């Protein structure tokens, strides 16, 4: 198994961050890593997600929503080709710091028979670029 975890402090309240994060229609306008999401983020439903790691090609997959709690968490599980080959559990987590700021955490757990071949450096950079843009968008709102 391999993991990526990033976090960023956003100087605005949690509802503004959540609003930007859940407005999937605007992703192509601001998000450099997750270039699109469509579908309803409801437990058990499938989303269609396109990502573009820095220096990489666009990849589209259809993960199943594992958790959805307003202003707190969105988590999904996606597979490349088939289950067990290359699986990724992606998580957005928001923490209300109680002082008008929000900590945004983005993480992914990778597992499967081909995970050992994975170089996560560009994916990590993609998470960090997205986090910075999310901060910019939410603080501007």
Protein backbone atom coordinates (compact mmCIF):
# COMPACT_ATOMS: atom_id res chain seq x y z
CA UNK A 1 0.00 0.00 0.00
CA UNK A 2 1.10 3.58 -0.70
CA UNK A 3 -0.34 6.79 0.72
CA UNK A 4 -0.39 10.47 -0.10
CA UNK A 5 -1.57 13.02 2.44
CA UNK A 6 -1.60 16.79 2.08
CA UNK A 7 -3.17 19.59 4.06
CA UNK A 8 -3.53 23.34 3.89
CA UNK A 9 -4.85 26.04 6.20
CA UNK A 10 -7.58 28.11 4.55
CA UNK A 11 -8.41 31.48 6.10
CA UNK A 12 -12.18 31.29 5.83
CA UNK A 13 -15.03 29.36 7.36
CA UNK A 14 -15.73 25.75 6.53
CA UNK A 15 -18.96 26.40 4.59
CA UNK A 16 -17.16 28.56 2.02
CA UNK A 17 -14.51 25.89 1.48
CA UNK A 18 -17.17 23.18 1.18
CA UNK A 19 -19.16 25.27 -1.32
CA UNK A 20 -16.14 25.62 -3.62
CA UNK A 21 -15.25 21.93 -3.24
CA UNK A 22 -18.78 20.71 -4.01
CA UNK A 23 -19.37 22.98 -7.02
CA UNK A 24 -18.22 20.34 -9.50
CA UNK A 25 -19.33 22.44 -12.49
CA UNK A 26 -16.58 24.98 -11.74
CA UNK A 27 -13.71 22.47 -11.49
CA UNK A 28 -12.56 22.99 -15.10
CA UNK A 29 -12.21 26.73 -14.37
CA UNK A 30 -9.96 26.49 -11.32
CA UNK A 31 -8.79 22.97 -10.51
CA UNK A 32 -5.41 22.04 -12.04
CA UNK A 33 -5.52 18.42 -10.84
CA UNK A 34 -9.13 17.16 -10.77
CA UNK A 35 -10.26 18.66 -14.04
CA UNK A 36 -13.85 17.44 -13.76
CA UNK A 37 -16.28 15.60 -11.51
CA UNK A 38 -19.83 14.73 -12.43
CA UNK A 39 -22.54 12.82 -10.65
CA UNK A 40 -24.21 13.07 -7.27
CA UNK A 41 -21.91 12.74 -4.26
CA UNK A 42 -24.23 10.40 -2.37
CA UNK A 43 -23.29 7.24 -0.52
CA UNK A 44 -23.04 4.28 -2.90
CA UNK A 45 -23.36 6.37 -6.07
CA UNK A 46 -20.77 6.53 -8.82
CA UNK A 47 -19.03 9.72 -9.87
CA UNK A 48 -17.14 10.33 -13.08
CA UNK A 49 -13.78 11.89 -12.20
CA UNK A 50 -11.03 13.13 -14.53
CA UNK A 51 -7.59 13.90 -13.16
CA UNK A 52 -4.49 15.31 -14.78
CA UNK A 53 -1.30 14.95 -12.75
CA UNK A 54 1.40 17.53 -13.59
CA UNK A 55 3.23 16.33 -16.68
CA UNK A 56 0.78 13.48 -17.12
CA UNK A 57 -2.20 12.60 -19.25
CA UNK A 58 -5.85 12.97 -18.33
CA UNK A 59 -7.28 9.82 -16.73
CA UNK A 60 -10.99 9.27 -16.20
CA UNK A 61 -12.51 6.74 -13.84
CA UNK A 62 -15.83 6.04 -12.12
CA UNK A 63 -15.35 5.68 -8.38
CA UNK A 64 -18.06 4.75 -5.89
CA UNK A 65 -18.81 7.20 -3.05
CA UNK A 66 -17.91 5.63 0.32
CA UNK A 67 -18.65 8.61 2.57
CA UNK A 68 -20.36 11.97 2.27
CA UNK A 69 -20.94 14.32 5.18
CA UNK A 70 -21.71 17.97 4.47
CA UNK A 71 -18.93 20.36 5.54
CA UNK A 72 -16.77 17.42 6.66
CA UNK A 73 -15.91 14.66 4.20
CA UNK A 74 -16.17 13.24 0.70
CA UNK A 75 -14.49 9.88 0.12
CA UNK A 76 -14.57 7.53 -2.87
CA UNK A 77 -12.98 4.31 -4.10
CA UNK A 78 -11.87 3.98 -7.70
CA UNK A 79 -10.25 1.18 -9.68
CA UNK A 80 -8.00 1.13 -12.72
CA UNK A 81 -9.19 -1.61 -15.08
CA UNK A 82 -10.53 -3.94 -12.36
CA UNK A 83 -10.62 -4.33 -8.57
CA UNK A 84 -7.32 -5.42 -7.08
CA UNK A 85 -5.19 -4.29 -10.02
CA UNK A 86 -4.80 -0.69 -8.87
CA UNK A 87 -7.30 0.77 -6.38
CA UNK A 88 -7.37 4.28 -4.93
CA UNK A 89 -9.40 5.53 -1.99
CA UNK A 90 -9.52 9.33 -2.26
CA UNK A 91 -10.59 11.56 0.62
CA UNK A 92 -11.38 15.24 1.06
CA UNK A 93 -11.65 16.17 4.73
CA UNK A 94 -12.48 19.58 6.21
CA UNK A 95 -11.77 20.53 9.83
CA UNK A 96 -13.33 23.60 11.43
CA UNK A 97 -10.55 25.11 13.54
CA UNK A 98 -13.05 27.15 15.58
CA UNK A 99 -11.40 30.47 14.76
CA UNK A 100 -12.81 31.20 11.29
CA UNK A 101 -10.22 29.05 9.54
CA UNK A 102 -10.49 25.59 7.97
CA UNK A 103 -7.93 22.85 7.57
CA UNK A 104 -8.39 21.02 4.27
CA UNK A 105 -6.87 17.55 4.04
CA UNK A 106 -6.64 15.62 0.80
CA UNK A 107 -5.38 12.06 0.86
CA UNK A 108 -5.35 8.84 -1.10
CA UNK A 109 -4.55 5.25 -0.20
CA UNK A 110 -3.37 3.13 -3.11
CA UNK A 111 -3.39 -0.65 -3.10
CA UNK A 112 -3.39 -3.50 -5.58
CA UNK A 113 -0.95 -5.77 -7.36
CA UNK A 114 0.65 -2.98 -9.41
CA UNK A 115 0.98 -0.31 -6.71
CA UNK A 116 4.69 -1.08 -6.33
CA UNK A 117 5.29 0.32 -9.82
CA UNK A 118 3.62 3.62 -8.97
CA UNK A 119 5.58 6.86 -8.71
CA UNK A 120 3.44 9.20 -6.62
CA UNK A 121 5.58 12.33 -6.98
CA UNK A 122 3.42 13.94 -9.71
CA UNK A 123 0.21 12.96 -7.96
CA UNK A 124 1.48 14.59 -4.75
CA UNK A 125 2.29 17.75 -6.73
CA UNK A 126 -1.21 17.65 -8.22
CA UNK A 127 -2.80 17.46 -4.75
CA UNK A 128 -0.69 20.39 -3.58
CA UNK A 129 -1.57 22.51 -6.65
CA UNK A 130 -5.27 21.77 -6.14
CA UNK A 131 -5.04 22.64 -2.43
CA UNK A 132 -3.46 26.02 -3.23
CA UNK A 133 -6.16 26.84 -5.81
CA UNK A 134 -8.93 25.73 -3.43
CA UNK A 135 -7.49 28.07 -0.78
CA UNK A 136 -7.38 30.93 -3.29
CA UNK A 137 -10.97 30.33 -4.44
CA UNK A 138 -12.45 29.92 -0.95
CA UNK A 139 -10.67 32.94 0.52
CA UNK A 140 -11.82 35.09 -2.42
CA UNK A 141 -15.46 34.00 -2.06
